[in-house]
Amino acid sequence: MIARNKNIKLLLQPFDILPSINGHETQLQIAISNIVENAIQNTESGGSVNICTKLSENKIIIKVVDNGK
């Protein structure tokens, strides 16, 4: 995994209870994976990528924050 090779900490802060998502599971997985991978690629060695989820007005918010370029 790229994060391990670059010594990047992946921090997951999940919301306790989220509703089910209606959508194409594979496409959602690919989209989220691409965002996280981009964050990892743009974070320097020893950095961190924080992934958090929350519920806001019946919408699921997925936030990916990195300390990269």
Protein backbone atom coordinates (compact mmCIF):
# COMPACT_ATOMS: atom_id res chain seq x y z
CA MET A 1 0.00 0.00 0.00
CA ILE A 2 1.25 3.46 -0.90
CA ALA A 3 0.48 4.92 2.54
CA ARG A 4 2.60 2.30 4.30
CA ASN A 5 5.52 2.80 1.89
CA LYS A 6 5.42 6.57 2.51
CA ASN A 7 4.90 6.17 6.29
CA ILE A 8 1.59 8.07 6.08
CA LYS A 9 -0.91 7.70 8.90
CA LEU A 10 -4.46 6.96 7.77
CA LEU A 11 -6.92 8.17 10.38
CA LEU A 12 -10.57 7.12 10.15
CA GLN A 13 -13.16 8.98 12.17
CA PRO A 14 -16.45 7.29 11.32
CA PHE A 15 -19.82 8.63 12.39
CA ASP A 16 -21.48 6.20 14.79
CA ILE A 17 -24.59 5.44 12.75
CA LEU A 18 -25.03 6.25 9.06
CA PRO A 19 -28.00 5.26 6.91
CA SER A 20 -27.65 3.00 3.90
CA ILE A 21 -26.66 4.65 0.64
CA ASN A 22 -28.67 4.05 -2.50
CA GLY A 23 -26.29 3.88 -5.42
CA HIS A 24 -23.99 1.72 -7.44
CA GLU A 25 -21.75 0.14 -4.79
CA THR A 26 -18.74 -0.42 -7.07
CA GLN A 27 -18.82 3.12 -8.47
CA LEU A 28 -19.08 4.60 -4.97
CA GLN A 29 -16.13 2.49 -3.80
CA ILE A 30 -14.05 3.57 -6.80
CA ALA A 31 -14.89 7.27 -6.30
CA ILE A 32 -14.00 7.24 -2.59
CA SER A 33 -10.89 5.16 -3.22
CA ASN A 34 -9.71 7.63 -5.89
CA ILE A 35 -10.13 10.58 -3.51
CA VAL A 36 -8.23 8.84 -0.70
CA GLU A 37 -5.50 7.66 -3.09
CA ASN A 38 -5.09 11.21 -4.41
CA ALA A 39 -4.72 12.51 -0.85
CA ILE A 40 -2.07 9.86 -0.11
CA GLN A 41 -0.14 10.62 -3.30
CA ASN A 42 -0.07 14.35 -2.48
CA THR A 43 1.02 13.87 1.13
CA GLU A 44 4.71 13.84 1.91
CA SER A 45 6.36 10.98 3.76
CA GLY A 46 5.48 10.99 7.45
CA GLY A 47 2.26 12.96 6.90
CA SER A 48 -1.33 11.97 7.54
CA VAL A 49 -4.65 11.57 5.76
CA ASN A 50 -7.81 11.95 7.85
CA ILE A 51 -11.08 10.43 6.63
CA CYS A 52 -14.24 11.35 8.50
CA THR A 53 -17.93 10.85 7.91
CA LYS A 54 -20.96 12.63 9.28
CA LEU A 55 -24.66 13.01 8.72
CA SER A 56 -25.97 16.47 7.83
CA GLU A 57 -29.55 17.22 6.81
CA ASN A 58 -30.14 13.59 5.77
CA LYS A 59 -26.97 13.61 3.65
CA ILE A 60 -23.82 11.62 4.30
CA ILE A 61 -20.70 13.78 4.22
CA ILE A 62 -17.35 12.08 3.59
CA LYS A 63 -14.41 14.38 4.23
CA VAL A 64 -10.83 13.55 3.28
CA VAL A 65 -8.18 15.90 4.65
CA ASP A 66 -4.47 15.62 3.98
CA ASN A 67 -1.48 17.74 4.86
CA GLY A 68 0.03 17.42 1.40
CA LYS A 69 0.76 19.81 -1.44
